[in-house]
Protein backbone atom coordinates (compact mmCIF):
# COMPACT_ATOMS: atom_id res chain seq x y z
CA ARG A 1 29.98 -5.96 -36.37
CA LEU A 2 31.92 -9.11 -37.15
CA VAL A 3 29.61 -11.17 -34.93
CA ALA A 4 26.65 -10.29 -37.11
CA TYR A 5 28.16 -12.17 -40.07
CA HIS A 6 30.14 -14.85 -38.23
CA GLY A 7 28.61 -18.19 -39.33
CA PRO A 8 29.08 -20.36 -36.20
CA THR A 9 27.96 -17.54 -33.89
CA MET A 10 24.85 -16.79 -35.99
CA GLU A 11 23.66 -20.35 -35.33
CA GLU A 12 23.74 -20.09 -31.53
CA GLY A 13 21.39 -18.72 -28.85
CA ALA A 14 19.74 -15.38 -29.32
CA TYR A 15 21.57 -14.72 -32.62
CA ARG A 16 19.86 -17.74 -34.20
CA ASP A 17 16.46 -16.04 -33.82
CA CYS A 18 17.58 -12.77 -35.48
CA GLU A 19 16.85 -12.41 -39.17
CA SER A 20 18.49 -9.00 -39.53
CA PRO A 21 22.25 -8.40 -39.12
CA LEU A 22 21.35 -5.14 -37.34
CA GLN A 23 19.58 -7.14 -34.62
CA ARG A 24 22.65 -9.31 -34.11
CA ILE A 25 24.87 -6.19 -33.99
CA ALA A 26 22.61 -4.64 -31.35
CA ILE A 27 22.78 -7.78 -29.14
CA SER A 28 26.53 -8.07 -29.62
CA MET A 29 27.12 -4.40 -28.72
CA ALA A 30 25.09 -4.80 -25.50
CA ARG A 31 26.96 -7.96 -24.58
CA TYR A 32 30.31 -6.38 -25.42
CA VAL A 33 29.62 -3.58 -22.96
CA GLN A 34 28.82 -6.16 -20.25
CA ASP A 35 31.67 -8.60 -21.00
CA PRO A 36 34.05 -7.72 -23.86
CA LEU A 37 36.21 -10.78 -23.18
CA ALA A 38 33.41 -13.30 -23.65
CA GLU A 39 32.10 -11.52 -26.75
CA THR A 40 35.57 -11.60 -28.30
CA CYS A 41 36.21 -15.22 -27.38
CA GLN A 42 33.05 -16.40 -29.07
CA LEU A 43 34.59 -15.55 -32.45
CA TRP A 44 37.17 -18.30 -31.89
CA ASN A 45 36.90 -21.51 -33.91
CA LYS A 46 39.42 -24.30 -34.30
CA LEU A 47 38.82 -24.22 -38.06
CA ALA A 48 40.83 -21.37 -39.57
CA GLU A 49 38.17 -20.50 -42.18
CA GLN A 50 35.55 -20.14 -39.43
CA ASN A 51 37.80 -18.39 -36.87
CA GLY A 52 36.39 -14.85 -36.66
CA LEU A 53 39.39 -13.60 -34.66
CA LEU A 54 41.60 -14.08 -37.69
CA LYS A 55 39.44 -11.55 -39.56
CA LEU A 56 40.10 -8.79 -37.04
CA HIS A 57 42.70 -6.20 -38.12
CA LEU A 58 45.26 -6.64 -35.33
CA HIS A 59 48.48 -5.83 -37.21
CA ARG A 60 49.38 -4.49 -40.63
CA LEU A 61 51.50 -7.56 -41.36
CA GLN A 62 49.19 -10.25 -39.97
CA HIS A 63 48.26 -11.39 -43.50
CA VAL A 64 51.90 -12.52 -44.00
CA LEU A 65 51.50 -15.24 -41.34
CA PRO A 66 49.82 -18.55 -42.19
CA LYS A 67 46.40 -18.65 -40.50
CA ASP A 68 47.28 -21.65 -38.33
CA ARG A 69 50.33 -19.84 -36.91
CA LEU A 70 48.33 -16.67 -36.31
CA ALA A 71 45.65 -18.68 -34.50
CA SER A 72 48.31 -20.36 -32.32
CA ALA A 73 49.82 -16.95 -31.51
CA LEU A 74 46.43 -15.65 -30.36
CA VAL A 75 45.78 -18.58 -27.96
CA ARG A 76 48.43 -17.51 -25.43
CA PRO A 77 47.23 -13.89 -24.79
CA LEU A 78 43.61 -15.03 -24.69
CA THR A 79 44.49 -17.75 -22.15
CA GLU A 80 46.39 -15.20 -20.05
CA VAL A 81 43.49 -12.75 -20.06
CA VAL A 82 40.92 -15.45 -19.19
CA SER A 83 43.23 -16.66 -16.39
CA ASN A 84 43.55 -13.13 -14.97
CA ALA A 85 39.82 -12.46 -15.18
CA GLY A 86 38.70 -15.90 -14.00
CA VAL A 87 35.66 -17.90 -15.05
CA HIS A 88 32.54 -17.33 -12.94
CA ALA A 89 31.06 -20.83 -13.05
CA ASN A 90 27.54 -19.93 -11.88
CA ARG A 91 27.35 -16.84 -14.06
CA VAL A 92 28.29 -18.96 -17.12
CA ARG A 93 25.59 -21.43 -16.05
CA GLN A 94 22.96 -18.70 -16.09
CA SER A 95 24.25 -17.07 -19.31
CA PRO A 96 25.34 -19.79 -21.77
CA HIS A 97 26.79 -17.30 -24.26
CA LEU A 98 29.64 -16.71 -21.76
CA MET A 99 30.76 -20.31 -22.28
CA SER A 100 33.17 -19.06 -24.97
CA VAL A 101 35.78 -18.16 -22.31
CA VAL A 102 36.07 -21.83 -21.29
CA ASN A 103 37.90 -22.44 -24.60
CA PHE A 104 40.86 -20.66 -22.97
CA LEU A 105 40.50 -21.95 -19.38
CA PRO A 106 43.73 -23.75 -18.30
CA GLY A 107 43.16 -27.48 -18.04
CA PHE A 108 40.19 -27.40 -20.40
CA GLY A 109 40.50 -25.69 -23.77
CA PRO A 110 38.20 -26.29 -26.78
CA ALA A 111 38.44 -30.11 -26.48
CA LYS A 112 36.80 -30.21 -23.03
CA THR A 113 34.43 -27.24 -23.26
CA GLN A 114 31.39 -29.49 -23.52
CA ILE A 115 32.42 -31.33 -20.36
CA PHE A 116 32.55 -28.03 -18.45
CA ARG A 117 29.13 -27.11 -19.86
CA LYS A 118 27.69 -30.38 -18.58
CA CYS A 119 29.34 -30.01 -15.16
CA ILE A 120 27.58 -26.65 -14.47
CA ASN A 121 24.07 -27.74 -15.44
CA THR A 122 23.16 -27.15 -11.78
CA ALA A 123 24.51 -24.68 -9.21
CA VAL A 124 28.15 -25.12 -8.20
CA GLN A 125 28.66 -24.39 -4.49
CA SER A 126 32.15 -25.76 -3.82
CA ARG A 127 35.36 -26.86 -5.49
CA ALA A 128 34.90 -30.43 -4.34
CA GLU A 129 31.46 -30.56 -5.92
CA LEU A 130 32.72 -29.22 -9.27
CA ALA A 131 35.82 -31.42 -9.16
CA GLY A 132 33.68 -34.52 -8.58
CA ARG A 133 31.53 -33.72 -11.63
CA ILE A 134 34.55 -33.03 -13.84
CA VAL A 135 36.31 -36.27 -12.87
CA LYS A 136 33.14 -38.29 -13.34
CA ASP A 137 32.59 -36.93 -16.86
CA LEU A 138 36.24 -37.37 -17.75
CA GLN A 139 36.03 -40.93 -16.40
CA VAL A 140 39.32 -40.64 -14.60
CA GLN A 141 39.10 -43.68 -12.32
CA ALA A 142 42.39 -42.97 -10.52
CA ALA A 143 41.12 -39.56 -9.37
CA LEU A 144 37.68 -40.63 -8.11
CA LYS A 145 38.92 -40.99 -4.50
CA ASP A 146 40.16 -37.38 -4.43
CA PRO A 147 38.87 -35.46 -7.46
CA LEU A 148 40.73 -32.32 -6.40
CA GLN A 149 44.00 -34.13 -7.23
CA SER A 150 43.05 -34.69 -10.87
CA CYS A 151 45.52 -32.89 -13.17
CA VAL A 152 42.69 -31.18 -15.07
CA VAL A 153 41.09 -29.98 -11.86
CA LYS A 154 44.37 -28.77 -10.38
CA ASN A 155 45.15 -26.79 -13.54
CA ALA A 156 41.73 -25.20 -13.82
CA MET A 157 40.47 -24.64 -10.29
CA PRO A 158 42.54 -21.55 -9.36
CA PHE A 159 40.97 -19.78 -12.33
CA VAL A 160 37.36 -20.73 -11.59
CA LYS A 161 35.27 -18.38 -9.44
CA ILE A 162 32.74 -20.15 -7.21
CA TYR A 163 30.09 -17.98 -5.66
CA PRO A 164 26.41 -17.32 -6.47
CA ASP A 165 25.32 -15.38 -9.52
CA LEU A 166 23.03 -12.42 -8.91
CA ARG A 167 20.15 -14.60 -10.13
CA ASP A 168 20.91 -17.47 -7.71
CA ARG A 169 19.05 -17.79 -4.43
CA TRP A 170 21.75 -19.09 -2.08
CA GLU A 171 24.12 -17.21 0.14
CA PRO A 172 27.90 -16.90 -0.59
CA SER A 173 28.58 -18.28 2.89
CA VAL A 174 27.43 -21.70 1.63
CA THR A 175 30.73 -21.92 -0.29
CA PRO A 176 33.77 -22.67 1.88
CA GLY A 177 35.98 -19.61 2.33
CA PHE A 178 39.05 -21.09 0.58
CA ASP A 179 36.91 -22.10 -2.41
CA ARG A 180 36.04 -18.40 -2.93
CA THR A 181 39.72 -17.49 -3.40
CA ARG A 182 41.97 -17.80 -6.47
CA LEU A 183 44.51 -19.93 -4.57
CA CYS A 184 45.49 -23.43 -5.76
CA GLU A 185 44.72 -26.57 -3.73
CA ALA A 186 48.38 -27.02 -2.76
CA HIS A 187 48.01 -23.94 -0.55
CA ARG A 188 44.84 -25.08 1.26
CA SER A 189 46.43 -26.74 4.33
CA TRP A 190 48.92 -23.87 4.68
CA ILE A 191 46.20 -21.18 4.49
CA GLU A 192 43.91 -23.09 6.87
CA ALA A 193 46.78 -23.43 9.41
CA MET A 194 47.47 -19.69 9.17
CA CYS A 195 43.80 -18.83 9.69
CA GLN A 196 43.52 -21.15 12.71
CA ALA A 197 46.67 -19.64 14.20
CA ALA A 198 45.30 -16.14 13.66
CA LEU A 199 41.98 -17.04 15.29
CA ALA A 200 43.78 -18.61 18.24
CA GLY A 201 45.90 -15.47 18.61
CA THR A 202 42.80 -13.27 18.51
CA GLU A 203 41.05 -15.35 21.17
CA HIS A 204 44.16 -15.27 23.37
CA ALA A 205 44.37 -11.46 23.04
CA GLU A 206 40.69 -11.08 24.00
CA ASP A 207 41.17 -13.30 27.06
CA THR A 208 44.22 -11.21 28.09
CA ASP A 209 42.22 -7.97 27.72
CA GLU A 210 39.47 -9.34 29.91
CA ASP A 211 41.96 -10.31 32.62
């Protein structure tokens, strides 16, 4: 219900075309069923007077806290939930209203949300591809040789899901196997070595069975 009367939200996407609050409530309810996290995150605003989350009744004593302190207290649990759920880059590309979760993506936050939006204008098929776009838009010259080593990229990448949305027309196998995991880049060489050793062991076992 709050979404129907939340000023910043009313000016975006499908809500902007709805004259009746009931229409906005209907859209919000449908979206909440599909993705309650994204629908909740879209109420966030850095300006306290426009932050819809501060109007939710979360605790009987919340009115005692200054609004800026309450907003700061809400950032941590929202960041933890977004980190646990992950951000599906290609799904967000296809459904822009899901961009609200990027406000709480480690390494990004509200200040860099527009950069993330620009970086997923086209399909994302690998970490290296997304990292290159991010570093280019951030204009981090030192990281251009290896974008995956950028601090922003290293902080965010384990929480970004890279595989096709249901509306995309490319196969998941296009994305490297490691890029489809939630592991950080520091583990890549270790995981690849383990996989190669496992494959070598499997091939050796098959050769032994044939003998």
